[in-house]
């Protein structure tokens, strides 16, 4: 009987371990639902506050990194966006524009980010036909890695967005 129980546990245990889903409840120390002040304290890069207005004239706030910092040895900038009740709702991490203009291998940069996210969070939930928009859907966060080119300018970035329950 003990041998049979041990065999069953050995068969089930790997399946349970694989079934655990990774999650991201924010990024780089900033967690969904934090206030502007809490995000400033949690993140280890200098941030400055920005104000913008919605169509109804309601002010919204964001925090943006004042200087590029390295992620995968690539200079990036971050933008932390807040909901109408001033809680962290999304984060955009984009490759610094100056770096994109000086490099000739946008596909290599995009691949490095995709590989890193796949290693951490598993296979993407969605990839568009061109392979330039890749999405991971996690329990409290959706992440979208994008590479677009418009008028000769390139954009490569990852958007982390809280699902409605997390925000």
C-alpha atoms as a PDB file:
ATOM      1  CA  UNK A   1       0.000   0.000   0.000  1.00  0.00           C
ATOM      2  CA  UNK A   2       2.821   2.418   0.905  1.00  0.00           C
ATOM      3  CA  UNK A   3       4.583   1.631  -2.365  1.00  0.00           C
ATOM      4  CA  UNK A   4       1.416   2.337  -4.328  1.00  0.00           C
ATOM      5  CA  UNK A   5       0.877   5.674  -2.529  1.00  0.00           C
ATOM      6  CA  UNK A   6       4.507   6.655  -3.140  1.00  0.00           C
ATOM      7  CA  UNK A   7       4.119   5.814  -6.830  1.00  0.00           C
ATOM      8  CA  UNK A   8       0.953   7.919  -7.106  1.00  0.00           C
ATOM      9  CA  UNK A   9       2.632  10.878  -5.375  1.00  0.00           C
ATOM     10  CA  UNK A  10       5.644  10.600  -7.679  1.00  0.00           C
ATOM     11  CA  UNK A  11       3.338  10.659 -10.708  1.00  0.00           C
ATOM     12  CA  UNK A  12       1.210  13.573  -9.526  1.00  0.00           C
ATOM     13  CA  UNK A  13       3.950  15.803  -8.052  1.00  0.00           C
ATOM     14  CA  UNK A  14       5.577  16.793 -11.382  1.00  0.00           C
ATOM     15  CA  UNK A  15       2.165  17.668 -12.843  1.00  0.00           C
ATOM     16  CA  UNK A  16       1.347  19.879  -9.851  1.00  0.00           C
ATOM     17  CA  UNK A  17       4.708  21.621 -10.099  1.00  0.00           C
ATOM     18  CA  UNK A  18       4.217  22.319 -13.826  1.00  0.00           C
ATOM     19  CA  UNK A  19       0.651  23.528 -13.245  1.00  0.00           C
ATOM     20  CA  UNK A  20       1.830  26.418 -11.051  1.00  0.00           C
ATOM     21  CA  UNK A  21       1.440  29.576 -13.102  1.00  0.00           C
ATOM     22  CA  UNK A  22       3.965  32.364 -12.790  1.00  0.00           C
ATOM     23  CA  UNK A  23       2.573  35.814 -12.139  1.00  0.00           C
ATOM     24  CA  UNK A  24       3.771  39.394 -12.151  1.00  0.00           C
ATOM     25  CA  UNK A  25       2.067  41.712  -9.697  1.00  0.00           C
ATOM     26  CA  UNK A  26       3.838  44.773 -11.020  1.00  0.00           C
ATOM     27  CA  UNK A  27       7.392  45.412 -12.150  1.00  0.00           C
ATOM     28  CA  UNK A  28      10.768  46.241 -10.591  1.00  0.00           C
ATOM     29  CA  UNK A  29       9.410  46.611  -7.044  1.00  0.00           C
ATOM     30  CA  UNK A  30       6.296  48.579  -8.046  1.00  0.00           C
ATOM     31  CA  UNK A  31       3.099  46.648  -7.317  1.00  0.00           C
ATOM     32  CA  UNK A  32      -0.409  47.131  -8.689  1.00  0.00           C
ATOM     33  CA  UNK A  33      -2.436  49.523  -6.571  1.00  0.00           C
ATOM     34  CA  UNK A  34       0.535  51.459  -5.161  1.00  0.00           C
ATOM     35  CA  UNK A  35       0.330  55.253  -4.938  1.00  0.00           C
ATOM     36  CA  UNK A  36       2.769  57.605  -6.699  1.00  0.00           C
ATOM     37  CA  UNK A  37       4.781  58.017  -3.500  1.00  0.00           C
ATOM     38  CA  UNK A  38       4.937  54.263  -2.896  1.00  0.00           C
ATOM     39  CA  UNK A  39       6.160  53.635  -6.455  1.00  0.00           C
ATOM     40  CA  UNK A  40       8.851  56.322  -6.093  1.00  0.00           C
ATOM     41  CA  UNK A  41      10.066  54.636  -2.911  1.00  0.00           C
ATOM     42  CA  UNK A  42       9.950  51.108  -4.385  1.00  0.00           C
ATOM     43  CA  UNK A  43      11.677  51.700  -7.727  1.00  0.00           C
ATOM     44  CA  UNK A  44      15.446  52.132  -7.872  1.00  0.00           C
ATOM     45  CA  UNK A  45      15.665  54.716 -10.658  1.00  0.00           C
ATOM     46  CA  UNK A  46      14.974  58.472 -10.563  1.00  0.00           C
ATOM     47  CA  UNK A  47      11.370  59.289 -11.538  1.00  0.00           C
ATOM     48  CA  UNK A  48       9.594  62.523 -12.346  1.00  0.00           C
ATOM     49  CA  UNK A  49       5.870  63.177 -12.112  1.00  0.00           C
ATOM     50  CA  UNK A  50       3.874  64.021 -15.215  1.00  0.00           C
ATOM     51  CA  UNK A  51       0.299  65.274 -15.408  1.00  0.00           C
ATOM     52  CA  UNK A  52      -1.995  64.866 -18.381  1.00  0.00           C
ATOM     53  CA  UNK A  53      -5.718  65.359 -18.843  1.00  0.00           C
ATOM     54  CA  UNK A  54      -8.448  63.103 -20.129  1.00  0.00           C
ATOM     55  CA  UNK A  55     -11.160  64.406 -22.463  1.00  0.00           C
ATOM     56  CA  UNK A  56     -13.354  65.307 -19.480  1.00  0.00           C
ATOM     57  CA  UNK A  57     -10.560  67.412 -18.002  1.00  0.00           C
ATOM     58  CA  UNK A  58      -9.800  64.896 -15.261  1.00  0.00           C
ATOM     59  CA  UNK A  59      -6.112  65.006 -14.336  1.00  0.00           C
ATOM     60  CA  UNK A  60      -4.172  61.738 -14.569  1.00  0.00           C
ATOM     61  CA  UNK A  61      -0.677  61.151 -13.320  1.00  0.00           C
ATOM     62  CA  UNK A  62       2.341  59.215 -14.463  1.00  0.00           C
ATOM     63  CA  UNK A  63       5.901  58.759 -13.305  1.00  0.00           C
ATOM     64  CA  UNK A  64       8.636  58.515 -15.914  1.00  0.00           C
ATOM     65  CA  UNK A  65      12.293  57.614 -15.541  1.00  0.00           C
ATOM     66  CA  UNK A  66      14.450  60.696 -15.969  1.00  0.00           C
ATOM     67  CA  UNK A  67      17.456  58.769 -17.294  1.00  0.00           C
ATOM     68  CA  UNK A  68      17.772  55.512 -19.197  1.00  0.00           C
ATOM     69  CA  UNK A  69      18.767  52.473 -17.149  1.00  0.00           C
ATOM     70  CA  UNK A  70      19.926  49.008 -18.211  1.00  0.00           C
ATOM     71  CA  UNK A  71      17.676  45.993 -18.651  1.00  0.00           C
ATOM     72  CA  UNK A  72      19.314  42.971 -20.337  1.00  0.00           C
ATOM     73  CA  UNK A  73      22.253  45.359 -20.930  1.00  0.00           C
ATOM     74  CA  UNK A  74      19.955  47.505 -23.068  1.00  0.00           C
ATOM     75  CA  UNK A  75      19.134  51.129 -22.137  1.00  0.00           C
ATOM     76  CA  UNK A  76      15.424  51.448 -21.377  1.00  0.00           C
ATOM     77  CA  UNK A  77      13.033  54.000 -19.917  1.00  0.00           C
ATOM     78  CA  UNK A  78       9.949  53.321 -17.820  1.00  0.00           C
ATOM     79  CA  UNK A  79       6.568  55.027 -17.587  1.00  0.00           C
ATOM     80  CA  UNK A  80       4.315  54.191 -14.630  1.00  0.00           C
ATOM     81  CA  UNK A  81       0.661  55.124 -15.269  1.00  0.00           C
ATOM     82  CA  UNK A  82      -1.983  55.565 -12.593  1.00  0.00           C
ATOM     83  CA  UNK A  83      -5.763  55.139 -12.539  1.00  0.00           C
ATOM     84  CA  UNK A  84      -8.227  57.929 -11.762  1.00  0.00           C
ATOM     85  CA  UNK A  85      -7.944  57.045  -8.056  1.00  0.00           C
ATOM     86  CA  UNK A  86      -4.122  57.428  -8.308  1.00  0.00           C
ATOM     87  CA  UNK A  87      -3.264  53.734  -8.043  1.00  0.00           C
ATOM     88  CA  UNK A  88      -0.640  52.073 -10.247  1.00  0.00           C
ATOM     89  CA  UNK A  89      -2.429  50.502 -13.242  1.00  0.00           C
ATOM     90  CA  UNK A  90       0.183  49.969 -15.987  1.00  0.00           C
ATOM     91  CA  UNK A  91       3.884  50.186 -16.730  1.00  0.00           C
ATOM     92  CA  UNK A  92       5.576  50.687 -20.082  1.00  0.00           C
ATOM     93  CA  UNK A  93       9.243  49.726 -20.365  1.00  0.00           C
ATOM     94  CA  UNK A  94      10.629  50.776 -23.733  1.00  0.00           C
ATOM     95  CA  UNK A  95      14.037  50.630 -25.350  1.00  0.00           C
ATOM     96  CA  UNK A  96      15.530  54.122 -25.294  1.00  0.00           C
ATOM     97  CA  UNK A  97      14.901  55.888 -28.612  1.00  0.00           C
ATOM     98  CA  UNK A  98      18.524  57.034 -28.978  1.00  0.00           C
ATOM     99  CA  UNK A  99      19.706  53.419 -28.654  1.00  0.00           C
ATOM    100  CA  UNK A 100      17.186  52.226 -31.262  1.00  0.00           C
ATOM    101  CA  UNK A 101      18.464  54.821 -33.739  1.00  0.00           C
ATOM    102  CA  UNK A 102      22.071  53.754 -33.221  1.00  0.00           C
ATOM    103  CA  UNK A 103      21.589  49.999 -33.538  1.00  0.00           C
ATOM    104  CA  UNK A 104      20.970  48.043 -36.718  1.00  0.00           C
ATOM    105  CA  UNK A 105      19.578  44.883 -35.136  1.00  0.00           C
ATOM    106  CA  UNK A 106      16.075  45.605 -33.895  1.00  0.00           C
ATOM    107  CA  UNK A 107      15.143  41.965 -34.423  1.00  0.00           C
ATOM    108  CA  UNK A 108      17.944  40.849 -32.068  1.00  0.00           C
ATOM    109  CA  UNK A 109      16.755  43.297 -29.389  1.00  0.00           C
ATOM    110  CA  UNK A 110      13.164  42.125 -29.747  1.00  0.00           C
ATOM    111  CA  UNK A 111      14.228  38.475 -29.596  1.00  0.00           C
ATOM    112  CA  UNK A 112      16.235  39.059 -26.394  1.00  0.00           C
ATOM    113  CA  UNK A 113      13.195  40.552 -24.650  1.00  0.00           C
ATOM    114  CA  UNK A 114      10.926  37.788 -25.948  1.00  0.00           C
ATOM    115  CA  UNK A 115      13.341  35.077 -24.835  1.00  0.00           C
ATOM    116  CA  UNK A 116      13.715  36.624 -21.372  1.00  0.00           C
ATOM    117  CA  UNK A 117       9.945  36.922 -20.860  1.00  0.00           C
ATOM    118  CA  UNK A 118       9.351  33.393 -22.158  1.00  0.00           C
ATOM    119  CA  UNK A 119      11.983  31.966 -19.807  1.00  0.00           C
ATOM    120  CA  UNK A 120      10.356  33.755 -16.869  1.00  0.00           C
ATOM    121  CA  UNK A 121       6.621  33.409 -17.682  1.00  0.00           C
ATOM    122  CA  UNK A 122       6.394  30.532 -20.152  1.00  0.00           C
ATOM    123  CA  UNK A 123       5.007  30.314 -23.642  1.00  0.00           C
ATOM    124  CA  UNK A 124       3.129  33.444 -24.811  1.00  0.00           C
ATOM    125  CA  UNK A 125      -0.677  33.359 -24.930  1.00  0.00           C
ATOM    126  CA  UNK A 126      -0.746  35.126 -28.303  1.00  0.00           C
ATOM    127  CA  UNK A 127       1.629  36.096 -31.100  1.00  0.00           C
ATOM    128  CA  UNK A 128       0.454  38.099 -34.122  1.00  0.00           C
ATOM    129  CA  UNK A 129       1.100  36.945 -37.693  1.00  0.00           C
ATOM    130  CA  UNK A 130       4.237  39.097 -38.003  1.00  0.00           C
ATOM    131  CA  UNK A 131       5.591  37.962 -34.633  1.00  0.00           C
ATOM    132  CA  UNK A 132       5.975  41.584 -33.549  1.00  0.00           C
ATOM    133  CA  UNK A 133       3.195  41.642 -30.951  1.00  0.00           C
ATOM    134  CA  UNK A 134       3.489  38.970 -28.283  1.00  0.00           C
ATOM    135  CA  UNK A 135       1.168  38.689 -25.265  1.00  0.00           C
ATOM    136  CA  UNK A 136       1.406  36.810 -21.965  1.00  0.00           C
ATOM    137  CA  UNK A 137      -1.736  36.598 -19.828  1.00  0.00           C
ATOM    138  CA  UNK A 138      -0.998  35.922 -16.174  1.00  0.00           C
ATOM    139  CA  UNK A 139      -3.397  35.772 -13.209  1.00  0.00           C
ATOM    140  CA  UNK A 140      -3.045  39.459 -12.230  1.00  0.00           C
ATOM    141  CA  UNK A 141      -1.173  40.936 -15.194  1.00  0.00           C
ATOM    142  CA  UNK A 142      -1.126  40.942 -18.955  1.00  0.00           C
ATOM    143  CA  UNK A 143       2.136  41.752 -20.718  1.00  0.00           C
ATOM    144  CA  UNK A 144       2.538  42.802 -24.309  1.00  0.00           C
ATOM    145  CA  UNK A 145       5.900  42.922 -26.077  1.00  0.00           C
ATOM    146  CA  UNK A 146       5.695  45.084 -29.202  1.00  0.00           C
ATOM    147  CA  UNK A 147       7.996  46.052 -32.034  1.00  0.00           C
ATOM    148  CA  UNK A 148       6.666  48.629 -34.465  1.00  0.00           C
ATOM    149  CA  UNK A 149       8.215  50.832 -37.089  1.00  0.00           C
ATOM    150  CA  UNK A 150       6.515  54.036 -38.174  1.00  0.00           C
ATOM    151  CA  UNK A 151       8.043  56.555 -40.547  1.00  0.00           C
ATOM    152  CA  UNK A 152      11.532  55.187 -40.044  1.00  0.00           C
ATOM    153  CA  UNK A 153      11.269  55.317 -36.236  1.00  0.00           C
ATOM    154  CA  UNK A 154      11.239  52.071 -34.280  1.00  0.00           C
ATOM    155  CA  UNK A 155       9.561  51.252 -30.978  1.00  0.00           C
ATOM    156  CA  UNK A 156      10.311  48.198 -28.863  1.00  0.00           C
ATOM    157  CA  UNK A 157       8.663  47.958 -25.489  1.00  0.00           C
ATOM    158  CA  UNK A 158       6.888  45.831 -22.929  1.00  0.00           C
ATOM    159  CA  UNK A 159       3.607  46.976 -21.414  1.00  0.00           C
ATOM    160  CA  UNK A 160       2.633  45.461 -18.074  1.00  0.00           C
ATOM    161  CA  UNK A 161      -1.030  46.023 -17.280  1.00  0.00           C
ATOM    162  CA  UNK A 162      -2.951  45.073 -14.165  1.00  0.00           C
ATOM    163  CA  UNK A 163      -6.148  43.176 -14.669  1.00  0.00           C
ATOM    164  CA  UNK A 164      -9.193  44.948 -13.245  1.00  0.00           C
ATOM    165  CA  UNK A 165      -9.141  42.964 -10.001  1.00  0.00           C
ATOM    166  CA  UNK A 166      -5.481  43.761  -9.304  1.00  0.00           C
ATOM    167  CA  UNK A 167      -5.849  47.480  -9.973  1.00  0.00           C
END
